[in-house]
N, C-alpha and C. Protein backbone atom coordinates (compact mmCIF):
# COMPACT_ATOMS: atom_id res chain seq x y z
N UNK A 1 -44.73 57.62 89.72
CA UNK A 1 -45.20 58.55 88.53
C UNK A 1 -46.29 57.65 87.74
N UNK A 2 -47.26 58.10 87.53
CA UNK A 2 -48.42 57.78 86.68
C UNK A 2 -48.26 58.27 85.02
N UNK A 3 -47.61 59.41 84.98
CA UNK A 3 -47.45 59.76 84.08
C UNK A 3 -45.85 60.90 83.58
N UNK A 4 -45.69 60.56 82.42
CA UNK A 4 -44.00 61.06 82.39
C UNK A 4 -44.14 62.25 80.89
N UNK A 5 -43.10 63.23 80.81
CA UNK A 5 -43.49 63.97 79.69
C UNK A 5 -41.62 64.00 79.16
N UNK A 6 -41.61 63.53 78.32
CA UNK A 6 -40.01 63.21 78.00
C UNK A 6 -40.19 63.91 76.43
N UNK A 7 -38.53 64.66 76.34
CA UNK A 7 -38.57 65.21 74.94
C UNK A 7 -38.29 63.42 74.01
N UNK A 8 -38.56 64.17 72.68
CA UNK A 8 -38.55 63.12 71.56
C UNK A 8 -37.06 63.26 71.27
N UNK A 9 -36.14 62.07 70.46
CA UNK A 9 -34.77 62.57 69.62
C UNK A 9 -35.27 62.93 68.59
N UNK A 10 -36.66 62.91 68.13
CA UNK A 10 -36.72 62.57 66.34
C UNK A 10 -37.39 64.33 66.59
N UNK A 11 -38.05 64.45 67.46
CA UNK A 11 -39.09 65.99 67.47
C UNK A 11 -38.39 66.86 68.69
N UNK A 12 -39.02 68.28 68.32
CA UNK A 12 -38.04 68.72 69.54
C UNK A 12 -39.07 69.19 70.56
N UNK A 13 -40.01 69.12 70.52
CA UNK A 13 -41.21 68.71 71.28
C UNK A 13 -41.24 67.25 72.61
N UNK A 14 -42.33 67.66 73.64
CA UNK A 14 -41.98 66.69 74.11
C UNK A 14 -43.76 65.59 74.55
N UNK A 15 -43.28 64.55 74.93
CA UNK A 15 -45.00 62.98 74.73
C UNK A 15 -44.94 63.16 76.21
N UNK A 16 -46.01 62.92 76.46
CA UNK A 16 -46.56 62.22 77.63
C UNK A 16 -46.89 60.78 77.48
N UNK A 17 -45.78 60.54 78.39
CA UNK A 17 -46.40 58.56 78.54
C UNK A 17 -47.17 58.14 79.84
N UNK A 18 -48.46 56.90 79.34
CA UNK A 18 -48.25 56.16 80.57
C UNK A 18 -48.21 54.76 80.38
N UNK A 19 -47.88 53.91 81.14
CA UNK A 19 -47.96 52.74 81.52
C UNK A 19 -49.48 52.18 81.02
N UNK A 20 -49.59 50.80 80.07
CA UNK A 20 -50.64 50.23 79.56
C UNK A 20 -50.53 49.32 80.35
N UNK A 21 -51.49 48.72 81.06
CA UNK A 21 -51.45 47.41 82.12
C UNK A 21 -51.62 46.30 81.15
N UNK A 22 -52.59 46.51 80.11
CA UNK A 22 -53.05 45.10 79.28
C UNK A 22 -51.91 44.84 77.99
N UNK A 23 -51.36 46.02 77.54
CA UNK A 23 -50.43 46.16 76.67
C UNK A 23 -48.87 45.73 76.99
N UNK A 24 -48.94 45.96 78.72
CA UNK A 24 -47.49 45.83 79.33
C UNK A 24 -46.73 46.80 78.74
N UNK A 25 -46.89 48.14 77.55
CA UNK A 25 -45.98 48.96 77.41
C UNK A 25 -46.44 50.44 77.95
N UNK A 26 -45.58 51.13 77.64
CA UNK A 26 -45.83 52.70 77.40
C UNK A 26 -46.52 53.28 76.02
N UNK A 27 -47.70 53.62 76.00
CA UNK A 27 -48.57 54.47 75.44
C UNK A 27 -47.98 55.79 75.39
N UNK A 28 -48.23 56.50 74.58
CA UNK A 28 -48.23 58.12 74.28
C UNK A 28 -49.39 58.85 74.27
N UNK A 29 -49.72 59.64 74.79
CA UNK A 29 -50.69 60.62 74.91
C UNK A 29 -50.90 61.80 74.38
N UNK A 30 -51.74 61.85 73.05
CA UNK A 30 -51.71 62.83 72.14
C UNK A 30 -51.61 64.14 73.16
N UNK A 31 -50.73 65.37 72.70
CA UNK A 31 -51.09 66.41 73.01
C UNK A 31 -52.06 67.25 72.44
N UNK A 32 -52.95 67.06 71.49
CA UNK A 32 -54.41 67.69 70.96
C UNK A 32 -55.00 67.25 71.65
N UNK A 33 -55.16 66.02 72.84
CA UNK A 33 -56.33 65.53 73.01
C UNK A 33 -56.56 66.77 74.29
N UNK A 34 -57.91 66.74 74.63
CA UNK A 34 -58.01 67.76 76.35
C UNK A 34 -57.92 67.00 77.50
N UNK A 35 -57.34 67.35 77.87
CA UNK A 35 -56.91 66.82 79.68
C UNK A 35 -56.80 68.17 80.56
N UNK A 36 -57.68 67.31 82.18
CA UNK A 36 -57.48 67.86 83.12
C UNK A 36 -57.24 66.68 84.02
N UNK A 37 -56.86 67.50 85.49
CA UNK A 37 -56.64 67.13 86.57
C UNK A 37 -55.38 67.17 86.80
N UNK A 38 -54.68 66.31 87.69
CA UNK A 38 -53.14 66.30 88.32
C UNK A 38 -52.77 64.99 87.72
N UNK A 39 -51.39 64.94 87.68
CA UNK A 39 -50.70 63.89 87.00
C UNK A 39 -50.88 62.27 87.68
N UNK A 40 -51.11 62.55 88.57
CA UNK A 40 -51.57 61.37 89.34
C UNK A 40 -52.83 60.85 88.78
N UNK A 41 -54.02 61.83 88.64
CA UNK A 41 -55.42 61.26 88.66
C UNK A 41 -55.96 62.34 87.14
N UNK A 42 -54.99 61.67 86.26
CA UNK A 42 -55.71 62.74 84.96
C UNK A 42 -56.92 62.23 84.04
N UNK A 43 -57.75 63.00 83.97
CA UNK A 43 -58.73 62.53 82.63
C UNK A 43 -58.63 63.03 81.33
N UNK A 44 -58.58 62.48 80.31
CA UNK A 44 -58.60 63.01 78.87
C UNK A 44 -59.78 62.89 77.42
N UNK A 45 -60.10 63.49 77.02
CA UNK A 45 -60.68 63.38 76.10
C UNK A 45 -60.34 63.64 74.59
N UNK A 46 -60.77 62.88 73.65
CA UNK A 46 -61.47 61.53 73.53
C UNK A 46 -60.89 60.02 74.19
N UNK A 47 -61.62 59.35 73.37
CA UNK A 47 -60.70 58.23 73.84
C UNK A 47 -59.44 57.92 73.48
N UNK A 48 -58.82 57.02 73.49
CA UNK A 48 -57.57 56.46 72.54
C UNK A 48 -57.77 55.49 72.04
N UNK A 49 -56.94 55.36 70.47
CA UNK A 49 -57.14 54.30 69.81
C UNK A 49 -55.74 54.30 69.70
N UNK A 50 -55.35 53.20 70.20
CA UNK A 50 -53.66 52.99 70.21
C UNK A 50 -53.25 51.92 68.93
N UNK A 51 -52.68 52.62 68.08
CA UNK A 51 -52.64 51.61 66.72
C UNK A 51 -51.41 51.05 67.03
N UNK A 52 -51.39 49.49 66.69
CA UNK A 52 -50.65 48.74 67.42
C UNK A 52 -50.10 47.78 65.88
N UNK A 53 -48.88 47.27 65.72
CA UNK A 53 -48.42 46.09 64.63
C UNK A 53 -48.74 44.61 65.05
N UNK A 54 -49.75 44.49 66.21
CA UNK A 54 -50.67 43.29 66.69
C UNK A 54 -51.25 42.78 65.60
N UNK A 55 -51.59 41.33 65.29
CA UNK A 55 -51.93 40.97 64.42
C UNK A 55 -53.68 41.24 65.00
N UNK A 56 -53.80 40.95 66.33
CA UNK A 56 -55.25 40.61 66.79
C UNK A 56 -55.34 41.81 66.83
N UNK A 57 -55.13 43.05 66.87
CA UNK A 57 -55.91 44.69 66.45
C UNK A 57 -55.06 45.63 67.50
N UNK A 58 -55.72 46.88 68.18
CA UNK A 58 -55.28 47.91 68.24
C UNK A 58 -56.02 47.48 70.22
N UNK A 59 -55.15 48.37 70.74
CA UNK A 59 -55.60 49.30 71.94
C UNK A 59 -56.48 50.43 72.14
N UNK A 60 -57.85 50.07 72.93
CA UNK A 60 -58.76 51.25 73.01
C UNK A 60 -59.30 51.40 74.37
N UNK A 61 -59.25 52.75 74.89
CA UNK A 61 -59.51 52.75 76.24
C UNK A 61 -60.01 54.25 76.60
N UNK A 62 -60.17 54.67 77.91
CA UNK A 62 -60.32 56.17 77.96
C UNK A 62 -59.83 56.06 79.19
N UNK A 63 -59.54 57.13 79.73
CA UNK A 63 -58.50 57.61 81.00
C UNK A 63 -59.76 58.65 81.77
N UNK A 64 -60.18 58.48 83.14
CA UNK A 64 -60.88 59.10 83.72
C UNK A 64 -60.62 59.48 85.07
N UNK A 65 -60.18 60.11 85.65
CA UNK A 65 -59.86 60.72 87.13
C UNK A 65 -58.67 59.40 87.39
N UNK A 66 -57.68 59.05 86.05
CA UNK A 66 -56.67 58.85 86.82
C UNK A 66 -56.91 56.88 86.52
N UNK A 67 -58.28 56.76 86.14
CA UNK A 67 -58.75 55.23 85.55
C UNK A 67 -58.56 55.11 84.39
N UNK A 68 -58.08 53.91 84.30
CA UNK A 68 -58.32 53.00 82.29
C UNK A 68 -59.45 52.42 82.75
N UNK A 69 -60.23 52.95 81.10
CA UNK A 69 -60.98 52.28 81.31
C UNK A 69 -61.14 51.45 79.45
N UNK A 70 -61.22 50.05 79.70
CA UNK A 70 -60.47 49.21 78.46
C UNK A 70 -62.09 49.31 77.62
N UNK A 71 -62.01 49.42 76.54
CA UNK A 71 -62.90 48.98 75.71
C UNK A 71 -63.16 48.03 75.05
N UNK A 72 -64.46 47.47 74.87
CA UNK A 72 -64.46 45.82 74.59
C UNK A 72 -63.88 46.02 73.12
N UNK A 73 -63.68 46.48 72.47
CA UNK A 73 -63.06 46.47 70.85
C UNK A 73 -61.91 46.32 71.05
N UNK A 74 -60.81 46.42 72.29
CA UNK A 74 -59.12 46.16 71.83
C UNK A 74 -58.97 44.77 71.91
N UNK A 75 -57.95 44.53 71.27
CA UNK A 75 -56.95 43.41 70.96
C UNK A 75 -57.44 42.03 72.02
N UNK A 76 -57.18 42.67 73.34
CA UNK A 76 -56.67 42.45 74.67
C UNK A 76 -58.43 41.63 75.33
N UNK A 77 -59.46 42.34 74.62
CA UNK A 77 -60.59 41.98 75.17
C UNK A 77 -60.97 42.39 76.06
N UNK A 78 -60.37 43.12 77.03
CA UNK A 78 -60.81 43.15 78.57
C UNK A 78 -61.48 44.42 78.17
N UNK A 79 -62.36 44.87 78.74
CA UNK A 79 -63.65 45.61 79.31
C UNK A 79 -63.79 46.69 80.96
N UNK A 80 -62.52 45.97 81.46
CA UNK A 80 -62.42 46.05 82.76
C UNK A 80 -62.07 47.72 83.00
N UNK A 81 -62.38 48.56 84.10
CA UNK A 81 -61.61 49.75 84.39
C UNK A 81 -60.36 49.42 85.69
N UNK A 82 -59.12 50.11 85.41
CA UNK A 82 -58.70 49.78 86.63
C UNK A 82 -57.83 50.89 86.51
N UNK A 83 -57.31 51.15 87.56
CA UNK A 83 -56.32 52.53 88.34
C UNK A 83 -54.96 52.50 87.03
N UNK A 84 -54.37 53.71 87.20
CA UNK A 84 -53.38 54.17 85.98
C UNK A 84 -52.00 53.29 86.99
N UNK A 85 -51.23 52.26 86.63
CA UNK A 85 -50.20 51.78 87.31
C UNK A 85 -49.42 53.07 86.86
N UNK A 86 -48.07 52.93 87.71
CA UNK A 86 -47.05 53.31 88.05
C UNK A 86 -46.41 53.41 86.81
N UNK A 87 -45.32 53.89 86.63
CA UNK A 87 -44.53 53.19 84.84
C UNK A 87 -43.22 52.34 85.85
N UNK A 88 -43.34 51.36 85.48
CA UNK A 88 -41.66 50.45 85.93
C UNK A 88 -40.69 51.56 85.87
N UNK A 89 -40.01 50.89 87.27
CA UNK A 89 -38.71 52.32 87.08
C UNK A 89 -37.49 51.58 85.93
N UNK A 90 -37.97 50.66 85.64
CA UNK A 90 -36.85 49.50 84.66
C UNK A 90 -37.33 50.60 83.35
N UNK A 91 -37.99 50.67 82.63
CA UNK A 91 -39.45 51.12 81.89
C UNK A 91 -38.26 52.80 81.35
N UNK A 92 -38.58 53.44 82.79
CA UNK A 92 -38.19 54.93 82.50
C UNK A 92 -37.03 54.78 82.83
N UNK A 93 -36.24 54.15 83.15
CA UNK A 93 -34.77 53.61 82.53
C UNK A 93 -34.14 54.08 81.64
N UNK A 94 -34.81 52.64 80.52
CA UNK A 94 -34.63 52.80 79.45
C UNK A 94 -34.92 54.02 78.37
N UNK A 95 -36.46 54.61 79.07
CA UNK A 95 -36.74 56.20 78.17
C UNK A 95 -35.56 57.25 78.76
N UNK A 96 -35.29 57.07 79.50
CA UNK A 96 -34.55 58.58 79.83
C UNK A 96 -32.80 57.75 79.11
N UNK A 97 -32.57 56.62 79.27
CA UNK A 97 -31.19 55.92 78.20
C UNK A 97 -31.37 56.35 76.47
N UNK A 98 -32.64 56.29 76.17
CA UNK A 98 -32.45 56.45 74.66
C UNK A 98 -32.53 57.66 74.37
N UNK A 99 -33.52 58.53 75.42
CA UNK A 99 -33.35 59.70 74.47
C UNK A 99 -32.45 60.53 74.92
N UNK A 100 -31.63 60.43 76.07
CA UNK A 100 -30.13 61.22 76.39
C UNK A 100 -28.94 60.66 75.68
N UNK A 101 -29.26 59.51 74.83
CA UNK A 101 -28.14 58.59 74.26
C UNK A 101 -27.13 60.12 73.30
């Protein structure tokens, strides 16, 4: 599963998450962004700028046909493109636990 939709405790809606291999954590994909393609190979527009508490900066990328293209202004200084990875099972289990507590 490359994308997962889960309800949140704070809100009654759902959010779509994906695993960021650069940050090694889940990122939330805004519902207001344009989306096309299947969950296994989605495309989103525009780019994502994930604000983080890191002193180094934020994570910035584009998802096209299931491939994450990192922008050079990201904190991790990656400019490469990688296929969207699966969400680790341990992370899915923790998300499920937090949501359904």
